[in-house]
Structures are given as structure tokens and as C-alpha cells.
Amino acid sequence: MKVRIITPEKVLFEGESESVTFPGINGSFDVLPHHAPLITALQKGTIRYLVNGTKYEQSIGSGFVKIENDILTACVEK
């Protein structure tokens, strides 16, 4: 999946990922390849993503994520 995590100031991450966990407003949720299309709000927390078997984390304030055709774009506040 292509993942892009951006703020109004800069790109925090852009690349391929095997899975991503987002801090949704109704609890954390995982996104795997071929996930159904979705647009949802995010709350303060941590985005966790797996790249080539290595786990990474990015703390965020709030924002939203759009998921469509294995492209995930998260617009967040830092």
C-alpha cells in the first residue's frame, strides 16, 4: 500500500507499507492491503506502520485519513 502522512507544514512519511494502525475517534483500527474505501477522523495518538518488516511510529494530534485503491493519505496535526 502507498502511505502518505502529511501535516500543513511537511510530509512526515511517504512510502510503501504492509499494514497501518490508525488512532480512530472510535478506537484504533488496522488497514491491510485491499481495504474498503474509507474516509474517517483521527484523534490524538500514534500511527503505527510496517515497512519491510520494521515497525515505525508517528505521534499525531488529530486529523483524518482517506483510504482508496491501496492509497492511504493521512492529513494530521502534529
Protein backbone atom coordinates (compact mmCIF):
# COMPACT_ATOMS: atom_id res chain seq x y z
CA MET A 1 0.00 0.00 0.00
CA LYS A 2 1.13 3.55 -0.62
CA VAL A 3 1.05 5.61 2.56
CA ARG A 4 1.39 9.35 2.90
CA ILE A 5 1.27 11.10 6.29
CA ILE A 6 1.26 14.87 5.93
CA THR A 7 0.87 18.00 8.07
CA PRO A 8 0.19 21.54 6.83
CA GLU A 9 3.96 22.14 7.12
CA LYS A 10 5.60 18.98 5.75
CA VAL A 11 5.44 15.34 4.73
CA LEU A 12 6.10 13.08 7.75
CA PHE A 13 6.20 9.81 5.79
CA GLU A 14 5.69 8.74 2.21
CA GLY A 15 6.28 5.21 1.03
CA GLU A 16 5.09 1.62 0.85
CA SER A 17 3.76 -0.19 3.92
CA GLU A 18 2.43 -3.70 4.63
CA SER A 19 -0.02 -2.53 7.32
CA VAL A 20 -1.01 0.62 9.19
CA THR A 21 -2.78 1.17 12.52
CA PHE A 22 -4.60 4.47 12.97
CA PRO A 23 -5.97 6.10 16.18
CA GLY A 24 -9.59 6.48 15.06
CA ILE A 25 -12.09 8.53 17.06
CA ASN A 26 -13.94 5.29 17.92
CA GLY A 27 -10.75 3.36 18.70
CA SER A 28 -7.71 2.13 16.82
CA PHE A 29 -8.16 0.31 13.54
CA ASP A 30 -5.86 -1.59 11.20
CA VAL A 31 -5.57 -1.20 7.45
CA LEU A 32 -4.25 -4.04 5.32
CA PRO A 33 -3.94 -4.25 1.52
CA HIS A 34 -7.24 -4.17 -0.39
CA HIS A 35 -9.08 -2.37 2.45
CA ALA A 36 -12.51 -0.99 1.55
CA PRO A 37 -12.63 2.72 0.67
CA LEU A 38 -12.94 4.89 3.78
CA ILE A 39 -12.66 8.48 4.99
CA THR A 40 -12.59 8.89 8.76
CA ALA A 41 -11.44 11.24 11.51
CA LEU A 42 -8.40 10.54 13.65
CA GLN A 43 -7.79 11.51 17.26
CA LYS A 44 -4.60 12.28 19.15
CA GLY A 45 -2.46 9.16 19.29
CA THR A 46 0.07 7.18 17.30
CA ILE A 47 0.05 5.94 13.73
CA ARG A 48 1.94 2.65 13.52
CA TYR A 49 3.11 1.25 10.19
CA LEU A 50 5.16 -1.70 8.99
CA VAL A 51 7.78 -1.20 6.26
CA ASN A 52 9.80 -4.21 5.09
CA GLY A 53 9.18 -5.96 8.41
CA THR A 54 10.29 -2.95 10.51
CA LYS A 55 7.77 -1.18 12.74
CA TYR A 56 7.62 2.63 12.77
CA GLU A 57 5.53 5.09 14.79
CA GLN A 58 4.37 8.67 14.25
CA SER A 59 2.64 10.65 17.01
CA ILE A 60 -0.19 12.90 15.82
CA GLY A 61 -2.60 15.44 17.27
CA SER A 62 -5.73 14.87 15.19
CA GLY A 63 -6.74 14.73 11.55
CA PHE A 64 -8.34 12.43 9.03
CA VAL A 65 -7.40 9.60 6.68
CA LYS A 66 -8.62 8.70 3.22
CA ILE A 67 -8.23 5.11 2.04
CA GLU A 68 -8.88 4.21 -1.58
CA ASN A 69 -7.32 1.73 -4.05
CA ASP A 70 -4.46 0.83 -1.65
CA ILE A 71 -3.52 4.52 -1.30
CA LEU A 72 -3.71 5.90 2.25
CA THR A 73 -3.43 9.66 2.79
CA ALA A 74 -3.46 10.91 6.39
CA CYS A 75 -3.71 14.68 6.90
CA VAL A 76 -2.77 15.34 10.52
CA GLU A 77 -1.79 17.97 13.03
CA LYS A 78 1.46 17.37 14.82
